[in-house]
Amino acid sequence: STGRDGETQDLVTGTEKPRVYLYEDTIVSVPTQLYDLAEAGL
């Protein structure tokens, strides 16, 4: 991503957002502070 996505609520507008669902073997970039928030096994 060129920023941040996948959170349940838009950090600017406060509106609900669709979450990002990833399947096995996908390669993804995740910052350290969001790693523990993942519901997927990373």
PDB file of all heavy atoms in Angstrom:
ATOM      1  N   SER A   1       0.839  -1.185   0.000  1.00  0.00           N
ATOM      2  CA  SER A   1       0.000   0.000   0.000  1.00  0.00           C
ATOM      3  C   SER A   1       0.877   1.239   0.000  1.00  0.00           C
ATOM      4  O   SER A   1       2.042   1.200   0.394  1.00  0.00           O
ATOM      5  CB  SER A   1      -0.914  -0.004   1.238  1.00  0.00           C
ATOM      6  OG  SER A   1      -1.668   1.179   1.327  1.00  0.00           O
ATOM      7  N   THR A   2       0.308   2.348  -0.435  1.00  0.00           N
ATOM      8  CA  THR A   2       1.021   3.618  -0.370  1.00  0.00           C
ATOM      9  C   THR A   2       0.633   4.392   0.885  1.00  0.00           C
ATOM     10  O   THR A   2       0.920   5.570   1.007  1.00  0.00           O
ATOM     11  CB  THR A   2       0.701   4.467  -1.606  1.00  0.00           C
ATOM     12  OG1 THR A   2      -0.719   4.604  -1.712  1.00  0.00           O
ATOM     13  CG2 THR A   2       1.243   3.812  -2.865  1.00  0.00           C
ATOM     14  N   GLY A   3      -0.013   3.728   1.783  1.00  0.00           N
ATOM     15  CA  GLY A   3      -0.409   4.333   3.061  1.00  0.00           C
ATOM     16  C   GLY A   3      -0.816   3.227   3.994  1.00  0.00           C
ATOM     17  O   GLY A   3      -0.035   2.336   4.284  1.00  0.00           O
ATOM     18  N   ARG A   4      -2.083   3.222   4.404  1.00  0.00           N
ATOM     19  CA  ARG A   4      -2.590   2.189   5.299  1.00  0.00           C
ATOM     20  C   ARG A   4      -3.999   1.824   4.866  1.00  0.00           C
ATOM     21  O   ARG A   4      -4.793   2.682   4.518  1.00  0.00           O
ATOM     22  CB  ARG A   4      -2.600   2.700   6.744  1.00  0.00           C
ATOM     23  CG  ARG A   4      -3.214   1.734   7.761  1.00  0.00           C
ATOM     24  CD  ARG A   4      -3.181   2.343   9.147  1.00  0.00           C
ATOM     25  NE  ARG A   4      -3.810   1.476  10.146  1.00  0.00           N
ATOM     26  CZ  ARG A   4      -3.896   1.765  11.452  1.00  0.00           C
ATOM     27  NH1 ARG A   4      -3.379   2.895  11.907  1.00  0.00           N
ATOM     28  NH2 ARG A   4      -4.477   0.926  12.290  1.00  0.00           N
ATOM     29  N   ASP A   5      -4.308   0.541   4.877  1.00  0.00           N
ATOM     30  CA  ASP A   5      -5.654   0.097   4.527  1.00  0.00           C
ATOM     31  C   ASP A   5      -5.945  -1.214   5.264  1.00  0.00           C
ATOM     32  O   ASP A   5      -5.038  -1.902   5.714  1.00  0.00           O
ATOM     33  CB  ASP A   5      -5.798  -0.107   3.018  1.00  0.00           C
ATOM     34  CG  ASP A   5      -7.246   0.003   2.555  1.00  0.00           C
ATOM     35  OD1 ASP A   5      -8.137   0.215   3.414  1.00  0.00           O
ATOM     36  OD2 ASP A   5      -7.498  -0.119   1.349  1.00  0.00           O
ATOM     37  N   GLY A   6      -7.246  -1.516   5.342  1.00  0.00           N
ATOM     38  CA  GLY A   6      -7.669  -2.749   5.987  1.00  0.00           C
ATOM     39  C   GLY A   6      -8.266  -2.538   7.361  1.00  0.00           C
ATOM     40  O   GLY A   6      -8.800  -3.457   7.972  1.00  0.00           O
ATOM     41  N   GLU A   7      -8.184  -1.272   7.883  1.00  0.00           N
ATOM     42  CA  GLU A   7      -8.792  -0.986   9.175  1.00  0.00           C
ATOM     43  C   GLU A   7     -10.311  -0.969   9.031  1.00  0.00           C
ATOM     44  O   GLU A   7     -10.844  -0.780   7.937  1.00  0.00           O
ATOM     45  CB  GLU A   7      -8.280   0.350   9.746  1.00  0.00           C
ATOM     46  CG  GLU A   7      -8.642   1.580   8.939  1.00  0.00           C
ATOM     47  CD  GLU A   7      -7.647   1.898   7.840  1.00  0.00           C
ATOM     48  OE1 GLU A   7      -6.998   0.965   7.334  1.00  0.00           O
ATOM     49  OE2 GLU A   7      -7.560   3.081   7.464  1.00  0.00           O
ATOM     50  N   THR A   8     -11.037  -1.168  10.114  1.00  0.00           N
ATOM     51  CA  THR A   8     -12.501  -1.272  10.063  1.00  0.00           C
ATOM     52  C   THR A   8     -13.164   0.078   9.907  1.00  0.00           C
ATOM     53  O   THR A   8     -14.318   0.168   9.488  1.00  0.00           O
ATOM     54  CB  THR A   8     -13.048  -1.948  11.328  1.00  0.00           C
ATOM     55  OG1 THR A   8     -12.626  -1.199  12.474  1.00  0.00           O
ATOM     56  CG2 THR A   8     -12.525  -3.372  11.446  1.00  0.00           C
ATOM     57  N   GLN A   9     -12.452   1.159  10.237  1.00  0.00           N
ATOM     58  CA  GLN A   9     -13.026   2.497  10.177  1.00  0.00           C
ATOM     59  C   GLN A   9     -12.040   3.446   9.515  1.00  0.00           C
ATOM     60  O   GLN A   9     -10.842   3.406   9.804  1.00  0.00           O
ATOM     61  CB  GLN A   9     -13.364   2.978  11.592  1.00  0.00           C
ATOM     62  CG  GLN A   9     -14.187   4.264  11.640  1.00  0.00           C
ATOM     63  CD  GLN A   9     -14.558   4.638  13.065  1.00  0.00           C
ATOM     64  OE1 GLN A   9     -13.701   5.009  13.860  1.00  0.00           O
ATOM     65  NE2 GLN A   9     -15.835   4.519  13.395  1.00  0.00           N
ATOM     66  N   ASP A  10     -12.542   4.276   8.615  1.00  0.00           N
ATOM     67  CA  ASP A  10     -11.693   5.264   7.968  1.00  0.00           C
ATOM     68  C   ASP A  10     -11.139   6.214   9.017  1.00  0.00           C
ATOM     69  O   ASP A  10     -11.888   6.812   9.801  1.00  0.00           O
ATOM     70  CB  ASP A  10     -12.498   6.052   6.926  1.00  0.00           C
ATOM     71  CG  ASP A  10     -11.598   6.897   6.036  1.00  0.00           C
ATOM     72  OD1 ASP A  10     -11.025   7.874   6.561  1.00  0.00           O
ATOM     73  OD2 ASP A  10     -11.495   6.602   4.848  1.00  0.00           O
ATOM     74  N   LEU A  11      -9.821   6.356   9.037  1.00  0.00           N
ATOM     75  CA  LEU A  11      -9.178   7.166  10.074  1.00  0.00           C
ATOM     76  C   LEU A  11      -9.420   8.653   9.885  1.00  0.00           C
ATOM     77  O   LEU A  11      -9.213   9.440  10.807  1.00  0.00           O
ATOM     78  CB  LEU A  11      -7.667   6.880  10.080  1.00  0.00           C
ATOM     79  CG  LEU A  11      -7.279   5.425  10.380  1.00  0.00           C
ATOM     80  CD1 LEU A  11      -5.771   5.262  10.308  1.00  0.00           C
ATOM     81  CD2 LEU A  11      -7.800   4.978  11.732  1.00  0.00           C
ATOM     82  N   VAL A  12      -9.869   9.053   8.681  1.00  0.00           N
ATOM     83  CA  VAL A  12     -10.130  10.466   8.405  1.00  0.00           C
ATOM     84  C   VAL A  12     -11.600  10.809   8.568  1.00  0.00           C
ATOM     85  O   VAL A  12     -11.973  11.743   9.268  1.00  0.00           O
ATOM     86  CB  VAL A  12      -9.647  10.847   6.984  1.00  0.00           C
ATOM     87  CG1 VAL A  12      -9.993  12.303   6.680  1.00  0.00           C
ATOM     88  CG2 VAL A  12      -8.150  10.611   6.851  1.00  0.00           C
ATOM     89  N   THR A  13     -12.463  10.000   7.932  1.00  0.00           N
ATOM     90  CA  THR A  13     -13.890  10.323   7.925  1.00  0.00           C
ATOM     91  C   THR A  13     -14.682   9.652   9.035  1.00  0.00           C
ATOM     92  O   THR A  13     -15.793  10.065   9.338  1.00  0.00           O
ATOM     93  CB  THR A  13     -14.512   9.918   6.573  1.00  0.00           C
ATOM     94  OG1 THR A  13     -14.443   8.485   6.434  1.00  0.00           O
ATOM     95  CG2 THR A  13     -13.771  10.573   5.419  1.00  0.00           C
ATOM     96  N   GLY A  14     -14.123   8.585   9.619  1.00  0.00           N
ATOM     97  CA  GLY A  14     -14.832   7.872  10.668  1.00  0.00           C
ATOM     98  C   GLY A  14     -15.880   6.898  10.154  1.00  0.00           C
ATOM     99  O   GLY A  14     -16.577   6.256  10.942  1.00  0.00           O
ATOM    100  N   THR A  15     -16.018   6.771   8.825  1.00  0.00           N
ATOM    101  CA  THR A  15     -16.996   5.852   8.252  1.00  0.00           C
ATOM    102  C   THR A  15     -16.449   4.425   8.246  1.00  0.00           C
ATOM    103  O   THR A  15     -15.242   4.200   8.265  1.00  0.00           O
ATOM    104  CB  THR A  15     -17.340   6.268   6.810  1.00  0.00           C
ATOM    105  OG1 THR A  15     -16.125   6.350   6.045  1.00  0.00           O
ATOM    106  CG2 THR A  15     -18.034   7.612   6.799  1.00  0.00           C
ATOM    107  N   GLU A  16     -17.384   3.454   8.220  1.00  0.00           N
ATOM    108  CA  GLU A  16     -16.974   2.060   8.192  1.00  0.00           C
ATOM    109  C   GLU A  16     -16.330   1.715   6.854  1.00  0.00           C
ATOM    110  O   GLU A  16     -16.707   2.251   5.817  1.00  0.00           O
ATOM    111  CB  GLU A  16     -18.181   1.146   8.431  1.00  0.00           C
ATOM    112  CG  GLU A  16     -18.703   1.194   9.862  1.00  0.00           C
ATOM    113  CD  GLU A  16     -19.761   0.141  10.115  1.00  0.00           C
ATOM    114  OE1 GLU A  16     -20.010  -0.683   9.199  1.00  0.00           O
ATOM    115  OE2 GLU A  16     -20.335   0.134  11.208  1.00  0.00           O
ATOM    116  N   LYS A  17     -15.352   0.812   6.895  1.00  0.00           N
ATOM    117  CA  LYS A  17     -14.632   0.416   5.684  1.00  0.00           C
ATOM    118  C   LYS A  17     -14.625  -1.100   5.565  1.00  0.00           C
ATOM    119  O   LYS A  17     -14.621  -1.809   6.582  1.00  0.00           O
ATOM    120  CB  LYS A  17     -13.172   0.893   5.745  1.00  0.00           C
ATOM    121  CG  LYS A  17     -12.959   2.375   5.642  1.00  0.00           C
ATOM    122  CD  LYS A  17     -11.482   2.698   5.583  1.00  0.00           C
ATOM    123  CE  LYS A  17     -10.803   1.987   4.433  1.00  0.00           C
ATOM    124  NZ  LYS A  17      -9.377   2.308   4.342  1.00  0.00           N
ATOM    125  N   PRO A  18     -14.608  -1.609   4.326  1.00  0.00           N
ATOM    126  CA  PRO A  18     -14.409  -3.052   4.167  1.00  0.00           C
ATOM    127  C   PRO A  18     -12.998  -3.435   4.578  1.00  0.00           C
ATOM    128  O   PRO A  18     -12.052  -2.664   4.368  1.00  0.00           O
ATOM    129  CB  PRO A  18     -14.629  -3.282   2.666  1.00  0.00           C
ATOM    130  CG  PRO A  18     -14.398  -1.955   2.031  1.00  0.00           C
ATOM    131  CD  PRO A  18     -14.794  -0.922   3.041  1.00  0.00           C
ATOM    132  N   ARG A  19     -12.850  -4.593   5.193  1.00  0.00           N
ATOM    133  CA  ARG A  19     -11.521  -5.055   5.606  1.00  0.00           C
ATOM    134  C   ARG A  19     -10.861  -5.816   4.457  1.00  0.00           C
ATOM    135  O   ARG A  19     -11.509  -6.188   3.480  1.00  0.00           O
ATOM    136  CB  ARG A  19     -11.655  -5.938   6.843  1.00  0.00           C
ATOM    137  CG  ARG A  19     -12.353  -5.226   7.990  1.00  0.00           C
ATOM    138  CD  ARG A  19     -12.816  -6.199   9.053  1.00  0.00           C
ATOM    139  NE  ARG A  19     -11.699  -6.686   9.859  1.00  0.00           N
ATOM    140  CZ  ARG A  19     -11.795  -7.700  10.718  1.00  0.00           C
ATOM    141  NH1 ARG A  19     -12.938  -8.351  10.853  1.00  0.00           N
ATOM    142  NH2 ARG A  19     -10.743  -8.064  11.425  1.00  0.00           N
ATOM    143  N   VAL A  20      -9.554  -6.025   4.583  1.00  0.00           N
ATOM    144  CA  VAL A  20      -8.801  -6.714   3.533  1.00  0.00           C
ATOM    145  C   VAL A  20      -8.533  -8.154   3.963  1.00  0.00           C
ATOM    146  O   VAL A  20      -7.898  -8.392   4.999  1.00  0.00           O
ATOM    147  CB  VAL A  20      -7.468  -5.990   3.244  1.00  0.00           C
ATOM    148  CG1 VAL A  20      -6.659  -6.765   2.206  1.00  0.00           C
ATOM    149  CG2 VAL A  20      -7.734  -4.573   2.752  1.00  0.00           C
ATOM    150  N   TYR A  21      -9.028  -9.090   3.160  1.00  0.00           N
ATOM    151  CA  TYR A  21      -8.894 -10.518   3.464  1.00  0.00           C
ATOM    152  C   TYR A  21      -7.859 -11.130   2.527  1.00  0.00           C
ATOM    153  O   TYR A  21      -7.980 -11.019   1.302  1.00  0.00           O
ATOM    154  CB  TYR A  21     -10.238 -11.227   3.281  1.00  0.00           C
ATOM    155  CG  TYR A  21     -10.270 -12.648   3.794  1.00  0.00           C
ATOM    156  CD1 TYR A  21     -10.661 -12.917   5.107  1.00  0.00           C
ATOM    157  CD2 TYR A  21      -9.911 -13.718   2.979  1.00  0.00           C
ATOM    158  CE1 TYR A  21     -10.698 -14.221   5.589  1.00  0.00           C
ATOM    159  CE2 TYR A  21      -9.938 -15.022   3.446  1.00  0.00           C
ATOM    160  CZ  TYR A  21     -10.337 -15.267   4.745  1.00  0.00           C
ATOM    161  OH  TYR A  21     -10.374 -16.561   5.235  1.00  0.00           O
ATOM    162  N   LEU A  22      -6.836 -11.758   3.115  1.00  0.00           N
ATOM    163  CA  LEU A  22      -5.754 -12.337   2.316  1.00  0.00           C
ATOM    164  C   LEU A  22      -5.734 -13.857   2.444  1.00  0.00           C
ATOM    165  O   LEU A  22      -5.997 -14.401   3.526  1.00  0.00           O
ATOM    166  CB  LEU A  22      -4.401 -11.772   2.758  1.00  0.00           C
ATOM    167  CG  LEU A  22      -4.216 -10.250   2.632  1.00  0.00           C
ATOM    168  CD1 LEU A  22      -2.808  -9.859   3.041  1.00  0.00           C
ATOM    169  CD2 LEU A  22      -4.518  -9.771   1.210  1.00  0.00           C
ATOM    170  N   TYR A  23      -5.387 -14.509   1.333  1.00  0.00           N
ATOM    171  CA  TYR A  23      -5.343 -15.969   1.294  1.00  0.00           C
ATOM    172  C   TYR A  23      -3.912 -16.479   1.485  1.00  0.00           C
ATOM    173  O   TYR A  23      -2.945 -15.720   1.385  1.00  0.00           O
ATOM    174  CB  TYR A  23      -5.912 -16.463  -0.042  1.00  0.00           C
ATOM    175  CG  TYR A  23      -7.378 -16.138  -0.209  1.00  0.00           C
ATOM    176  CD1 TYR A  23      -7.781 -14.942  -0.809  1.00  0.00           C
ATOM    177  CD2 TYR A  23      -8.360 -17.016   0.235  1.00  0.00           C
ATOM    178  CE1 TYR A  23      -9.129 -14.633  -0.953  1.00  0.00           C
ATOM    179  CE2 TYR A  23      -9.707 -16.716   0.097  1.00  0.00           C
ATOM    180  CZ  TYR A  23     -10.083 -15.525  -0.493  1.00  0.00           C
ATOM    181  OH  TYR A  23     -11.416 -15.219  -0.628  1.00  0.00           O
ATOM    182  N   GLU A  24      -3.813 -17.767   1.743  1.00  0.00           N
ATOM    183  CA  GLU A  24      -2.512 -18.389   1.997  1.00  0.00           C
ATOM    184  C   GLU A  24      -1.537 -18.148   0.843  1.00  0.00           C
ATOM    185  O   GLU A  24      -1.925 -18.116  -0.323  1.00  0.00           O
ATOM    186  CB  GLU A  24      -2.677 -19.901   2.212  1.00  0.00           C
ATOM    187  CG  GLU A  24      -3.368 -20.251   3.519  1.00  0.00           C
ATOM    188  CD  GLU A  24      -3.479 -21.762   3.725  1.00  0.00           C
ATOM    189  OE1 GLU A  24      -2.827 -22.501   2.956  1.00  0.00           O
ATOM    190  OE2 GLU A  24      -4.207 -22.174   4.631  1.00  0.00           O
ATOM    191  N   ASP A  25      -0.273 -17.964   1.228  1.00  0.00           N
ATOM    192  CA  ASP A  25       0.871 -17.772   0.321  1.00  0.00           C
ATOM    193  C   ASP A  25       0.951 -16.372  -0.284  1.00  0.00           C
ATOM    194  O   ASP A  25       1.892 -16.073  -1.032  1.00  0.00           O
ATOM    195  CB  ASP A  25       0.900 -18.821  -0.803  1.00  0.00           C
ATOM    196  CG  ASP A  25       1.198 -20.220  -0.265  1.00  0.00           C
ATOM    197  OD1 ASP A  25       1.938 -20.314   0.733  1.00  0.00           O
ATOM    198  OD2 ASP A  25       0.687 -21.192  -0.836  1.00  0.00           O
ATOM    199  N   THR A  26       0.001 -15.498   0.021  1.00  0.00           N
ATOM    200  CA  THR A  26       0.120 -14.101  -0.401  1.00  0.00           C
ATOM    201  C   THR A  26       1.291 -13.455   0.339  1.00  0.00           C
ATOM    202  O   THR A  26       1.508 -13.709   1.521  1.00  0.00           O
ATOM    203  CB  THR A  26      -1.168 -13.318  -0.069  1.00  0.00           C
ATOM    204  OG1 THR A  26      -2.270 -13.941  -0.715  1.00  0.00           O
ATOM    205  CG2 THR A  26      -1.064 -11.873  -0.527  1.00  0.00           C
ATOM    206  N   ILE A  27       2.050 -12.621  -0.359  1.00  0.00           N
ATOM    207  CA  ILE A  27       3.125 -11.856   0.271  1.00  0.00           C
ATOM    208  C   ILE A  27       2.573 -10.455   0.552  1.00  0.00           C
ATOM    209  O   ILE A  27       1.998  -9.822  -0.332  1.00  0.00           O
ATOM    210  CB  ILE A  27       4.362 -11.768  -0.648  1.00  0.00           C
ATOM    211  CG1 ILE A  27       4.864 -13.174  -1.017  1.00  0.00           C
ATOM    212  CG2 ILE A  27       5.466 -10.944   0.020  1.00  0.00           C
ATOM    213  CD1 ILE A  27       5.321 -14.002   0.167  1.00  0.00           C
ATOM    214  N   VAL A  28       2.755  -9.962   1.759  1.00  0.00           N
ATOM    215  CA  VAL A  28       2.166  -8.684   2.148  1.00  0.00           C
ATOM    216  C   VAL A  28       3.144  -7.883   2.998  1.00  0.00           C
ATOM    217  O   VAL A  28       3.938  -8.441   3.755  1.00  0.00           O
ATOM    218  CB  VAL A  28       0.836  -8.915   2.919  1.00  0.00           C
ATOM    219  CG1 VAL A  28       1.066  -9.739   4.175  1.00  0.00           C
ATOM    220  CG2 VAL A  28       0.144  -7.602   3.224  1.00  0.00           C
ATOM    221  N   SER A  29       3.077  -6.560   2.847  1.00  0.00           N
ATOM    222  CA  SER A  29       3.908  -5.687   3.690  1.00  0.00           C
ATOM    223  C   SER A  29       3.060  -5.190   4.862  1.00  0.00           C
ATOM    224  O   SER A  29       1.965  -4.660   4.669  1.00  0.00           O
ATOM    225  CB  SER A  29       4.453  -4.508   2.878  1.00  0.00           C
ATOM    226  OG  SER A  29       3.416  -3.697   2.386  1.00  0.00           O
ATOM    227  N   VAL A  30       3.588  -5.373   6.057  1.00  0.00           N
ATOM    228  CA  VAL A  30       2.872  -5.005   7.283  1.00  0.00           C
ATOM    229  C   VAL A  30       3.839  -4.297   8.224  1.00  0.00           C
ATOM    230  O   VAL A  30       4.927  -4.817   8.503  1.00  0.00           O
ATOM    231  CB  VAL A  30       2.303  -6.262   7.990  1.00  0.00           C
ATOM    232  CG1 VAL A  30       1.548  -5.874   9.258  1.00  0.00           C
ATOM    233  CG2 VAL A  30       1.388  -7.043   7.054  1.00  0.00           C
ATOM    234  N   PRO A  31       3.496  -3.116   8.744  1.00  0.00           N
ATOM    235  CA  PRO A  31       4.372  -2.446   9.711  1.00  0.00           C
ATOM    236  C   PRO A  31       4.303  -3.149  11.069  1.00  0.00           C
ATOM    237  O   PRO A  31       3.308  -3.806  11.394  1.00  0.00           O
ATOM    238  CB  PRO A  31       3.804  -1.025   9.784  1.00  0.00           C
ATOM    239  CG  PRO A  31       2.392  -1.163   9.385  1.00  0.00           C
ATOM    240  CD  PRO A  31       2.324  -2.288   8.414  1.00  0.00           C
ATOM    241  N   THR A  32       5.355  -3.010  11.843  1.00  0.00           N
ATOM    242  CA  THR A  32       5.456  -3.737  13.119  1.00  0.00           C
ATOM    243  C   THR A  32       4.271  -3.481  14.042  1.00  0.00           C
ATOM    244  O   THR A  32       3.788  -4.393  14.717  1.00  0.00           O
ATOM    245  CB  THR A  32       6.760  -3.362  13.844  1.00  0.00           C
ATOM    246  OG1 THR A  32       6.858  -1.928  13.922  1.00  0.00           O
ATOM    247  CG2 THR A  32       7.969  -3.903  13.106  1.00  0.00           C
ATOM    248  N   GLN A  33       3.749  -2.255  14.069  1.00  0.00           N
ATOM    249  CA  GLN A  33       2.662  -1.935  14.986  1.00  0.00           C
ATOM    250  C   GLN A  33       1.321  -2.531  14.559  1.00  0.00           C
ATOM    251  O   GLN A  33       0.373  -2.550  15.350  1.00  0.00           O
ATOM    252  CB  GLN A  33       2.527  -0.422  15.148  1.00  0.00           C
ATOM    253  CG  GLN A  33       3.686   0.220  15.909  1.00  0.00           C
ATOM    254  CD  GLN A  33       3.467   1.717  16.135  1.00  0.00           C
ATOM    255  OE1 GLN A  33       2.346   2.177  16.269  1.00  0.00           O
ATOM    256  NE2 GLN A  33       4.560   2.469  16.166  1.00  0.00           N
ATOM    257  N   LEU A  34       1.223  -2.998  13.319  1.00  0.00           N
ATOM    258  CA  LEU A  34      -0.014  -3.618  12.860  1.00  0.00           C
ATOM    259  C   LEU A  34       0.083  -5.142  12.792  1.00  0.00           C
ATOM    260  O   LEU A  34      -0.922  -5.818  12.592  1.00  0.00           O
ATOM    261  CB  LEU A  34      -0.400  -3.086  11.467  1.00  0.00           C
ATOM    262  CG  LEU A  34      -0.682  -1.586  11.351  1.00  0.00           C
ATOM    263  CD1 LEU A  34      -1.108  -1.233   9.921  1.00  0.00           C
ATOM    264  CD2 LEU A  34      -1.755  -1.151  12.344  1.00  0.00           C
ATOM    265  N   TYR A  35       1.288  -5.667  13.007  1.00  0.00           N
ATOM    266  CA  TYR A  35       1.497  -7.105  12.860  1.00  0.00           C
ATOM    267  C   TYR A  35       0.619  -7.898  13.831  1.00  0.00           C
ATOM    268  O   TYR A  35      -0.045  -8.871  13.440  1.00  0.00           O
ATOM    269  CB  TYR A  35       2.973  -7.444  13.083  1.00  0.00           C
ATOM    270  CG  TYR A  35       3.274  -8.924  13.012  1.00  0.00           C
ATOM    271  CD1 TYR A  35       3.415  -9.556  11.776  1.00  0.00           C
ATOM    272  CD2 TYR A  35       3.404  -9.690  14.172  1.00  0.00           C
ATOM    273  CE1 TYR A  35       3.680 -10.913  11.700  1.00  0.00           C
ATOM    274  CE2 TYR A  35       3.661 -11.045  14.109  1.00  0.00           C
ATOM    275  CZ  TYR A  35       3.797 -11.658  12.868  1.00  0.00           C
ATOM    276  OH  TYR A  35       4.035 -13.003  12.791  1.00  0.00           O
ATOM    277  N   ASP A  36       0.575  -7.493  15.084  1.00  0.00           N
ATOM    278  CA  ASP A  36      -0.199  -8.235  16.088  1.00  0.00           C
ATOM    279  C   ASP A  36      -1.705  -8.062  15.921  1.00  0.00           C
ATOM    280  O   ASP A  36      -2.483  -8.803  16.528  1.00  0.00           O
ATOM    281  CB  ASP A  36       0.206  -7.799  17.501  1.00  0.00           C
ATOM    282  CG  ASP A  36       1.606  -8.276  17.876  1.00  0.00           C
ATOM    283  OD1 ASP A  36       2.052  -9.293  17.295  1.00  0.00           O
ATOM    284  OD2 ASP A  36       2.252  -7.629  18.720  1.00  0.00           O
ATOM    285  N   LEU A  37      -2.122  -7.089  15.103  1.00  0.00           N
ATOM    286  CA  LEU A  37      -3.554  -6.866  14.881  1.00  0.00           C
ATOM    287  C   LEU A  37      -4.105  -7.767  13.779  1.00  0.00           C
ATOM    288  O   LEU A  37      -5.327  -7.847  13.591  1.00  0.00           O
ATOM    289  CB  LEU A  37      -3.817  -5.398  14.511  1.00  0.00           C
ATOM    290  CG  LEU A  37      -3.419  -4.347  15.551  1.00  0.00           C
ATOM    291  CD1 LEU A  37      -3.734  -2.946  15.014  1.00  0.00           C
ATOM    292  CD2 LEU A  37      -4.142  -4.588  16.867  1.00  0.00           C
ATOM    293  N   ALA A  38      -3.222  -8.444  13.048  1.00  0.00           N
ATOM    294  CA  ALA A  38      -3.667  -9.299  11.947  1.00  0.00           C
ATOM    295  C   ALA A  38      -4.423 -10.507  12.474  1.00  0.00           C
ATOM    296  O   ALA A  38      -3.994 -11.159  13.439  1.00  0.00           O
ATOM    297  CB  ALA A  38      -2.467  -9.745  11.115  1.00  0.00           C
ATOM    298  N   GLU A  39      -5.554 -10.809  11.853  1.00  0.00           N
ATOM    299  CA  GLU A  39      -6.292 -12.020  12.193  1.00  0.00           C
ATOM    300  C   GLU A  39      -5.807 -13.202  11.367  1.00  0.00           C
ATOM    301  O   GLU A  39      -6.072 -14.354  11.710  1.00  0.00           O
ATOM    302  CB  GLU A  39      -7.788 -11.795  11.983  1.00  0.00           C
ATOM    303  CG  GLU A  39      -8.374 -10.739  12.927  1.00  0.00           C
ATOM    304  CD  GLU A  39      -9.850 -10.509  12.717  1.00  0.00           C
ATOM    305  OE1 GLU A  39     -10.520 -11.404  12.154  1.00  0.00           O
ATOM    306  OE2 GLU A  39     -10.345  -9.441  13.118  1.00  0.00           O
ATOM    307  N   ALA A  40      -5.109 -12.915  10.290  1.00  0.00           N
ATOM    308  CA  ALA A  40      -4.476 -13.970   9.501  1.00  0.00           C
ATOM    309  C   ALA A  40      -3.198 -14.429  10.203  1.00  0.00           C
ATOM    310  O   ALA A  40      -2.614 -13.689  11.000  1.00  0.00           O
ATOM    311  CB  ALA A  40      -4.140 -13.448   8.108  1.00  0.00           C
ATOM    312  N   GLY A  41      -2.775 -15.639   9.892  1.00  0.00           N
ATOM    313  CA  GLY A  41      -1.489 -16.109  10.386  1.00  0.00           C
ATOM    314  C   GLY A  41      -0.395 -15.619   9.472  1.00  0.00           C
ATOM    315  O   GLY A  41      -0.395 -15.933   8.274  1.00  0.00           O
ATOM    316  N   LEU A  42       0.523 -14.816   9.998  1.00  0.00           N
ATOM    317  CA  LEU A  42       1.569 -14.214   9.182  1.00  0.00           C
ATOM    318  C   LEU A  42       2.942 -14.747   9.562  1.00  0.00           C
ATOM    319  O   LEU A  42       3.331 -14.701  10.734  1.00  0.00           O
ATOM    320  CB  LEU A  42       1.554 -12.685   9.337  1.00  0.00           C
ATOM    321  CG  LEU A  42       0.300 -11.946   8.891  1.00  0.00           C
ATOM    322  CD1 LEU A  42       0.457 -10.449   9.135  1.00  0.00           C
ATOM    323  CD2 LEU A  42       0.000 -12.227   7.422  1.00  0.00           C
TER     324      LEU A  42
END
